[in-house]
Amino acid sequence: MKNRKGFTLIELLLSMTITAVLVSLLTPVFYEQIGKSQKAVCEANRHEFLTSFRAYQPLASSDFTLYDAVNSTDPEITNALEYERAGMVCPSGGTITVKDGKLWCSVHGFIGSDWSATDGEPGNGGDNTGGDNTGGSTGGDNTGGDNTGGDNTGGDNTGGDNTGGDNTGGGSTGGDNTGGDNTGGDNTGGGNTGGDNTGGNTGGDNTGGGSTGGDNTGGDNTGGDNPGGGDTPSGGSFMPGDTIAGGIVLQSWDELCTSTAALPWGGTNLAKGTVFVYNGVTYVVKNENYLSKDSAGQNGDNPLATGFMQQFNPDDTIDDACYNSSVGWVPPLHNGVVCERNGNYFVYLGGDNTKWESQPPAGNWVQLK
């Protein structure tokens, strides 16, 4: 009788264990390669559409944009780009839309080398946020710009404007700073050493900066503190009831919050584009929203804390003639700029330094009401 010998149980279990380990190691690599392939296909489809868009653009109207190419229902555009539109799909199931003049996929984001727009990805806010202002401004004017949330070393201009020949934040050493007003903004962290600081410091605070070896004569320190680069500017030139942008009446944020907080329950519905004013600064409702009774009580002194308000300056405007279908916006758009078109006024809520963006009302524009 022949002696038949097979696998032992231990040998079988060992083989199965080795196989399972190899599968567990290779499976993530396999799926990673699939993801990379799908991303490459998604970007290739978008590049192909951009190539067709560039070829068709000179034949279209002067205000024809990438947004129009993707979303327009005009039969002429639909027929011309029908094949390209059908082919612009994401194999991962992402939705492809236009953001800041660039094709954006909800799964894969922007194309790494998207030559349809050379500017940065979408940003938020019209201030100078997160940057350094080092050394202060000595003897010159810093007018109308907020330096919000950034690091200011050696002289901060925090939350407001420094108008009229101020010596802000960077010390005035060995000399006199006479008669210069620091109006509506704070003079934070800067010293005035060895000289006289004669004049008024009205509407802002002089926080953390010493006056060493000299006189600080006749200067009033009037107003509230806004140290540290906060988001809420102090002071401004607008009042409730003022009209802007062709007759739009500014509503009072104070009155809205007071009346809403006094409700027995519920809140107030706010329409997109409604304009309010608080502490002289104008704000717009970015999207349809609801101001609750509790939110009104908590954010009456800080509209930005609601999350649906955007600060802007009605005097910061751009002409819609600055748009050219070949080169985009010149100069580039920035967050909060106002544009008039066909008798209506729109505020731009996209990123700063943006060249490729649709003309209002398409894209990241909100009509003021």
Protein backbone atom coordinates (compact mmCIF):
# COMPACT_ATOMS: atom_id res chain seq x y z
CA MET A 1 0.00 0.00 0.00
CA LYS A 2 1.35 3.47 -0.99
CA ASN A 3 1.97 6.01 1.74
CA ARG A 4 0.02 9.20 0.78
CA LYS A 5 1.11 12.37 2.59
CA GLY A 6 -0.74 15.77 2.26
CA PHE A 7 -0.50 19.22 3.90
CA THR A 8 -0.65 19.37 7.63
CA LEU A 9 -3.12 21.76 9.31
CA ILE A 10 -0.31 24.07 10.45
CA GLU A 11 1.11 24.32 6.93
CA LEU A 12 -2.33 25.17 5.58
CA LEU A 13 -2.96 27.86 8.23
CA LEU A 14 0.49 29.36 7.63
CA SER A 15 -0.15 29.62 3.89
CA MET A 16 -3.51 31.30 4.48
CA THR A 17 -1.93 33.77 6.95
CA ILE A 18 0.81 34.75 4.49
CA THR A 19 -1.78 35.22 1.75
CA ALA A 20 -3.95 37.42 4.00
CA VAL A 21 -0.99 39.60 4.97
CA LEU A 22 0.00 40.13 1.34
CA VAL A 23 -3.58 41.06 0.40
CA SER A 24 -3.83 43.56 3.28
CA LEU A 25 -0.58 45.20 2.18
CA LEU A 26 -1.41 45.41 -1.50
CA THR A 27 -5.07 46.45 -1.28
CA PRO A 28 -4.42 50.08 -0.13
CA VAL A 29 -1.78 50.49 -2.84
CA PHE A 30 -4.23 49.16 -5.41
CA TYR A 31 -6.99 51.58 -4.38
CA GLU A 32 -4.52 54.47 -4.18
CA GLN A 33 -3.49 53.86 -7.78
CA ILE A 34 -7.14 53.74 -8.80
CA GLY A 35 -7.72 57.12 -7.10
CA LYS A 36 -4.70 58.65 -8.84
CA SER A 37 -5.89 57.32 -12.19
CA GLN A 38 -9.38 58.73 -11.66
CA LYS A 39 -7.94 62.13 -10.69
CA ALA A 40 -5.74 62.13 -13.81
CA VAL A 41 -8.75 61.32 -16.00
CA CYS A 42 -10.82 64.07 -14.30
CA GLU A 43 -8.10 66.68 -14.91
CA ALA A 44 -7.58 65.50 -18.49
CA ASN A 45 -11.32 65.87 -19.20
CA ARG A 46 -11.30 69.39 -17.79
CA HIS A 47 -8.16 70.33 -19.78
CA GLU A 48 -9.84 69.08 -22.95
CA PHE A 49 -12.88 71.25 -22.22
CA LEU A 50 -10.65 74.28 -21.54
CA THR A 51 -8.90 73.76 -24.88
CA SER A 52 -12.23 73.79 -26.68
CA PHE A 53 -13.38 76.81 -24.68
CA ARG A 54 -10.27 78.79 -25.68
CA ALA A 55 -10.77 77.87 -29.31
CA TYR A 56 -14.43 78.93 -29.28
CA GLN A 57 -14.05 82.07 -27.15
CA PRO A 58 -12.82 84.43 -29.93
CA LEU A 59 -15.91 83.51 -31.97
CA ALA A 60 -18.35 84.29 -29.16
CA SER A 61 -19.47 87.61 -27.71
CA SER A 62 -17.01 89.87 -25.89
CA ASP A 63 -18.40 88.98 -22.46
CA PHE A 64 -18.34 85.21 -23.00
CA THR A 65 -16.81 83.53 -19.94
CA LEU A 66 -15.91 80.05 -18.74
CA TYR A 67 -18.99 80.14 -16.53
CA ASP A 68 -21.14 80.73 -19.64
CA ALA A 69 -19.44 77.87 -21.46
CA VAL A 70 -20.30 75.44 -18.68
CA ASN A 71 -23.77 76.66 -17.67
CA SER A 72 -25.32 78.62 -20.56
CA THR A 73 -28.51 77.27 -22.13
CA ASP A 74 -28.05 79.37 -25.27
CA PRO A 75 -28.62 77.00 -28.22
CA GLU A 76 -25.60 78.34 -30.10
CA ILE A 77 -23.26 77.67 -27.17
CA THR A 78 -24.93 74.36 -26.34
CA ASN A 79 -24.50 73.07 -29.89
CA ALA A 80 -20.92 74.31 -30.20
CA LEU A 81 -19.74 72.71 -26.94
CA GLU A 82 -22.18 69.81 -26.68
CA TYR A 83 -19.54 67.09 -27.13
CA GLU A 84 -17.07 68.78 -24.78
CA ARG A 85 -19.68 69.28 -22.07
CA ALA A 86 -20.69 65.61 -22.27
CA GLY A 87 -17.07 64.53 -21.94
CA MET A 88 -16.28 66.74 -18.92
CA VAL A 89 -17.12 64.19 -16.23
CA CYS A 90 -15.35 62.99 -13.10
CA PRO A 91 -14.93 59.18 -12.91
CA SER A 92 -15.09 59.45 -9.11
CA GLY A 93 -18.60 60.95 -9.28
CA GLY A 94 -17.55 64.52 -8.48
CA THR A 95 -19.51 67.58 -9.61
CA ILE A 96 -17.58 69.98 -11.88
CA THR A 97 -18.42 73.67 -11.54
CA VAL A 98 -16.72 77.05 -12.04
CA LYS A 99 -15.08 78.77 -9.07
CA ASP A 100 -13.07 81.97 -9.44
CA GLY A 101 -12.90 81.48 -13.19
CA LYS A 102 -11.45 77.96 -12.87
CA LEU A 103 -12.93 74.49 -13.26
CA TRP A 104 -13.38 72.92 -9.85
CA CYS A 105 -14.29 69.32 -8.98
CA SER A 106 -16.04 68.53 -5.70
CA VAL A 107 -13.78 65.46 -5.31
CA HIS A 108 -10.44 66.51 -6.82
CA GLY A 109 -10.56 70.32 -6.39
CA PHE A 110 -8.79 72.60 -8.85
CA ILE A 111 -6.47 71.40 -11.58
CA GLY A 112 -2.90 71.55 -10.35
CA SER A 113 -1.76 73.64 -13.33
CA ASP A 114 -5.06 75.23 -14.33
CA TRP A 115 -3.96 77.70 -17.00
CA SER A 116 -7.49 79.05 -17.37
CA ALA A 117 -6.80 81.33 -14.42
CA THR A 118 -3.45 82.20 -12.93
CA ASP A 119 -4.74 83.66 -9.71
CA GLY A 120 -5.06 81.95 -6.36
CA GLU A 121 -7.87 79.80 -5.08
CA PRO A 122 -10.92 81.43 -3.51
CA GLY A 123 -10.25 83.54 -0.48
CA ASN A 124 -12.38 85.39 2.01
CA GLY A 125 -12.35 88.86 3.35
CA GLY A 126 -11.21 92.12 1.92
CA ASP A 127 -8.73 92.96 4.64
CA ASN A 128 -5.05 92.22 4.88
CA THR A 129 -5.34 89.08 6.97
CA GLY A 130 -2.50 87.14 8.47
CA GLY A 131 0.31 89.23 7.07
CA ASP A 132 3.05 91.07 8.86
CA ASN A 133 3.30 94.84 9.12
CA THR A 134 6.76 95.33 10.55
CA GLY A 135 8.25 98.53 11.79
CA GLY A 136 5.33 100.91 11.85
CA SER A 137 4.58 103.93 9.70
CA THR A 138 6.48 107.00 10.92
CA GLY A 139 5.25 110.42 9.97
CA GLY A 140 3.15 109.27 7.02
CA ASP A 141 -0.46 108.46 6.38
CA ASN A 142 -2.02 105.03 6.42
CA THR A 143 -5.50 105.85 5.16
CA GLY A 144 -8.58 103.67 4.91
CA GLY A 145 -7.11 100.21 5.07
CA ASP A 146 -7.64 97.70 7.82
CA ASN A 147 -4.88 95.37 8.92
CA THR A 148 -6.92 92.57 10.39
CA GLY A 149 -5.76 89.45 12.16
CA GLY A 150 -2.18 89.66 11.09
CA ASP A 151 0.99 90.01 13.06
CA ASN A 152 2.10 93.58 13.48
CA THR A 153 5.60 93.74 14.87
CA GLY A 154 6.84 97.02 16.18
CA GLY A 155 3.69 98.93 15.45
CA ASP A 156 0.17 97.70 15.03
CA ASN A 157 -2.57 99.40 13.10
CA THR A 158 -5.37 97.34 14.53
CA GLY A 159 -8.95 97.34 13.39
CA GLY A 160 -9.25 100.85 12.11
CA ASP A 161 -7.90 103.64 9.97
CA ASN A 162 -4.91 105.81 10.72
CA THR A 163 -5.62 109.09 8.96
CA GLY A 164 -3.89 112.45 8.93
CA GLY A 165 -0.20 112.00 9.42
CA ASP A 166 -0.03 109.65 12.33
CA ASN A 167 2.90 107.93 13.93
CA THR A 168 1.33 104.54 14.50
CA GLY A 169 2.80 101.71 16.45
CA GLY A 170 6.40 102.22 15.48
CA GLY A 171 7.87 104.50 18.10
CA SER A 172 8.75 108.13 17.58
CA THR A 173 12.27 108.21 19.02
CA GLY A 174 13.96 111.46 19.90
CA GLY A 175 11.50 113.63 18.03
CA ASP A 176 8.11 115.18 18.40
CA ASN A 177 4.85 113.83 17.04
CA THR A 178 2.76 116.98 17.26
CA GLY A 179 -0.84 117.47 16.30
CA GLY A 180 -1.31 114.22 14.48
CA ASP A 181 -4.60 112.52 15.24
CA ASN A 182 -5.07 108.80 15.47
CA THR A 183 -8.72 108.68 14.49
CA GLY A 184 -10.91 105.59 14.67
CA GLY A 185 -8.08 103.13 15.01
CA ASP A 186 -5.86 101.81 17.73
CA ASN A 187 -2.21 102.58 18.38
CA THR A 188 -1.23 99.28 19.89
CA GLY A 189 2.10 98.14 21.20
CA GLY A 190 4.25 100.99 19.98
CA GLY A 191 6.18 103.32 22.23
CA ASN A 192 6.73 107.06 21.98
CA THR A 193 10.24 107.34 23.39
CA GLY A 194 12.18 110.48 24.12
CA GLY A 195 9.85 112.89 22.39
CA ASP A 196 6.57 114.68 22.82
CA ASN A 197 3.28 113.30 21.64
CA THR A 198 1.12 116.40 21.57
CA GLY A 199 -2.36 116.33 20.11
CA GLY A 200 -5.42 114.20 20.19
CA ASN A 201 -5.73 110.44 20.06
CA THR A 202 -9.45 110.31 19.36
CA GLY A 203 -11.59 107.24 18.87
CA GLY A 204 -8.82 104.73 19.36
CA ASP A 205 -6.71 103.29 22.12
CA ASN A 206 -3.03 103.57 22.92
CA THR A 207 -2.52 100.11 24.32
CA GLY A 208 0.72 98.67 25.63
CA GLY A 209 2.98 101.39 24.34
CA GLY A 210 4.83 103.52 26.84
CA SER A 211 5.75 107.18 26.61
CA THR A 212 9.29 107.16 28.05
CA GLY A 213 11.35 110.25 28.73
CA GLY A 214 8.96 112.60 27.04
CA ASP A 215 5.65 114.31 27.51
CA ASN A 216 2.28 112.95 26.50
CA THR A 217 0.40 116.22 26.58
CA GLY A 218 -3.24 116.94 25.91
CA GLY A 219 -3.97 113.71 24.14
CA ASP A 220 -7.33 112.17 24.86
CA ASN A 221 -7.63 108.43 24.79
CA THR A 222 -11.27 108.09 23.92
CA GLY A 223 -13.11 104.98 22.74
CA GLY A 224 -12.99 101.27 23.21
CA ASP A 225 -10.23 98.72 22.87
CA ASN A 226 -9.79 96.69 19.77
CA PRO A 227 -6.28 95.27 20.32
CA GLY A 228 -4.81 92.25 18.62
CA GLY A 229 -6.09 92.55 15.06
CA GLY A 230 -9.79 91.86 15.59
CA ASP A 231 -12.26 91.57 12.74
CA THR A 232 -14.57 94.41 13.77
CA PRO A 233 -13.38 97.82 12.57
CA SER A 234 -13.95 100.82 14.78
CA GLY A 235 -15.33 103.97 13.32
CA GLY A 236 -16.56 104.75 9.85
CA SER A 237 -18.37 107.36 7.80
CA PHE A 238 -21.76 105.76 7.12
CA MET A 239 -24.97 106.17 9.12
CA PRO A 240 -28.36 104.39 9.12
CA GLY A 241 -30.61 106.03 6.54
CA ASP A 242 -27.72 106.99 4.25
CA THR A 243 -28.09 105.96 0.61
CA ILE A 244 -25.42 104.13 -1.38
CA ALA A 245 -25.14 102.45 -4.78
CA GLY A 246 -27.78 104.40 -6.64
CA GLY A 247 -30.27 104.83 -3.80
CA ILE A 248 -30.02 101.74 -1.55
CA VAL A 249 -30.89 102.80 2.02
CA LEU A 250 -28.58 101.56 4.79
CA GLN A 251 -30.43 99.76 7.58
CA SER A 252 -29.29 99.83 11.19
CA TRP A 253 -27.73 96.61 12.49
CA ASP A 254 -28.21 97.88 16.06
CA GLU A 255 -31.95 98.35 15.59
CA LEU A 256 -32.34 94.98 13.86
CA CYS A 257 -30.57 93.10 16.68
CA THR A 258 -32.43 95.03 19.38
CA SER A 259 -35.85 94.33 17.87
CA THR A 260 -35.01 90.68 17.15
CA ALA A 261 -33.60 90.06 20.64
CA ALA A 262 -36.81 91.52 22.11
CA LEU A 263 -39.01 88.97 20.33
CA PRO A 264 -40.69 86.40 22.61
CA TRP A 265 -39.39 83.63 20.34
CA GLY A 266 -38.12 82.99 16.80
CA GLY A 267 -36.07 85.49 14.85
CA THR A 268 -35.84 87.51 11.62
CA ASN A 269 -35.41 86.27 8.04
CA LEU A 270 -32.74 88.17 6.11
CA ALA A 271 -32.69 88.41 2.31
CA LYS A 272 -29.48 87.90 0.38
CA GLY A 273 -27.89 91.23 -0.55
CA THR A 274 -29.55 93.29 2.23
CA VAL A 275 -27.18 96.05 3.40
CA PHE A 276 -26.73 97.11 7.03
CA VAL A 277 -24.49 99.60 8.79
CA TYR A 278 -22.88 99.26 12.21
CA ASN A 279 -20.44 101.69 13.82
CA GLY A 280 -20.09 103.50 10.48
CA VAL A 281 -19.12 100.35 8.55
CA THR A 282 -21.32 98.67 5.92
CA TYR A 283 -22.11 94.95 5.75
CA VAL A 284 -24.03 92.80 3.27
CA VAL A 285 -25.96 89.54 3.87
CA LYS A 286 -24.03 86.92 1.86
CA ASN A 287 -26.92 84.48 1.50
CA GLU A 288 -30.51 83.95 2.56
CA ASN A 289 -30.34 83.49 6.32
CA TYR A 290 -32.11 83.60 9.63
CA LEU A 291 -31.09 85.81 12.56
CA SER A 292 -32.30 84.07 15.69
CA LYS A 293 -33.28 85.80 18.90
CA ASP A 294 -30.20 84.39 20.68
CA SER A 295 -27.79 85.31 17.86
CA ALA A 296 -29.13 88.87 17.80
CA GLY A 297 -28.46 89.22 21.52
CA GLN A 298 -24.93 87.81 21.26
CA ASN A 299 -23.74 89.47 18.03
CA GLY A 300 -25.28 92.93 18.23
CA ASP A 301 -21.80 94.47 18.43
CA ASN A 302 -20.10 92.19 15.89
CA PRO A 303 -22.01 91.46 12.63
CA LEU A 304 -19.19 89.27 11.27
CA ALA A 305 -19.64 86.81 14.16
CA THR A 306 -22.96 85.68 12.65
CA GLY A 307 -21.09 83.97 9.82
CA PHE A 308 -23.41 85.26 7.10
CA MET A 309 -22.40 88.95 7.01
CA GLN A 310 -19.59 90.39 4.84
CA GLN A 311 -17.94 93.77 5.35
CA PHE A 312 -17.46 95.97 2.29
CA ASN A 313 -16.88 99.60 1.32
CA PRO A 314 -19.45 101.11 -1.08
CA ASP A 315 -16.84 103.65 -2.23
CA ASP A 316 -14.51 100.83 -3.38
CA THR A 317 -15.78 100.38 -6.94
CA ILE A 318 -14.73 98.92 -10.30
CA ASP A 319 -16.21 99.54 -13.76
CA ASP A 320 -17.60 96.50 -15.59
CA ALA A 321 -15.71 97.81 -18.64
CA CYS A 322 -12.56 96.61 -16.84
CA TYR A 323 -13.49 93.07 -17.91
CA ASN A 324 -12.07 91.68 -21.14
CA SER A 325 -12.80 88.15 -22.34
CA SER A 326 -9.18 87.70 -23.42
CA VAL A 327 -7.36 88.85 -20.29
CA GLY A 328 -10.07 88.84 -17.57
CA TRP A 329 -10.44 91.69 -15.09
CA VAL A 330 -7.85 94.47 -15.25
CA PRO A 331 -7.15 95.39 -12.52
CA PRO A 332 -7.94 92.05 -10.80
CA LEU A 333 -10.95 91.81 -8.52
CA HIS A 334 -10.65 91.75 -4.74
CA ASN A 335 -13.12 90.74 -2.08
CA GLY A 336 -15.64 93.46 -1.29
CA VAL A 337 -15.30 95.53 -4.48
CA VAL A 338 -18.56 96.97 -5.88
CA CYS A 339 -19.50 96.94 -9.59
CA GLU A 340 -22.43 98.66 -11.33
CA ARG A 341 -23.98 96.93 -14.32
CA ASN A 342 -27.20 97.80 -16.13
CA GLY A 343 -28.31 100.04 -13.29
CA ASN A 344 -27.82 97.39 -10.58
CA TYR A 345 -25.00 97.24 -8.04
CA PHE A 346 -23.16 94.08 -7.06
CA VAL A 347 -20.49 93.30 -4.44
CA TYR A 348 -17.83 90.68 -5.19
CA LEU A 349 -17.46 87.99 -2.51
CA GLY A 350 -14.78 85.84 -4.13
CA GLY A 351 -11.02 85.74 -3.61
CA ASP A 352 -8.54 88.58 -3.82
CA ASN A 353 -6.40 89.23 -6.92
CA THR A 354 -8.87 87.39 -9.17
CA LYS A 355 -8.66 87.93 -12.93
CA TRP A 356 -10.98 85.22 -14.24
CA GLU A 357 -14.46 85.76 -12.89
CA SER A 358 -17.78 86.23 -14.65
CA GLN A 359 -19.37 89.63 -14.95
CA PRO A 360 -22.23 90.21 -12.52
CA PRO A 361 -24.69 88.78 -11.73
CA ALA A 362 -23.10 85.38 -12.46
CA GLY A 363 -20.36 83.88 -10.33
CA ASN A 364 -19.45 85.20 -6.88
CA TRP A 365 -21.39 88.47 -7.17
CA VAL A 366 -24.22 89.43 -4.80
CA GLN A 367 -26.69 92.14 -5.80
CA LEU A 368 -27.09 94.88 -3.22
CA LYS A 369 -30.64 95.54 -2.03
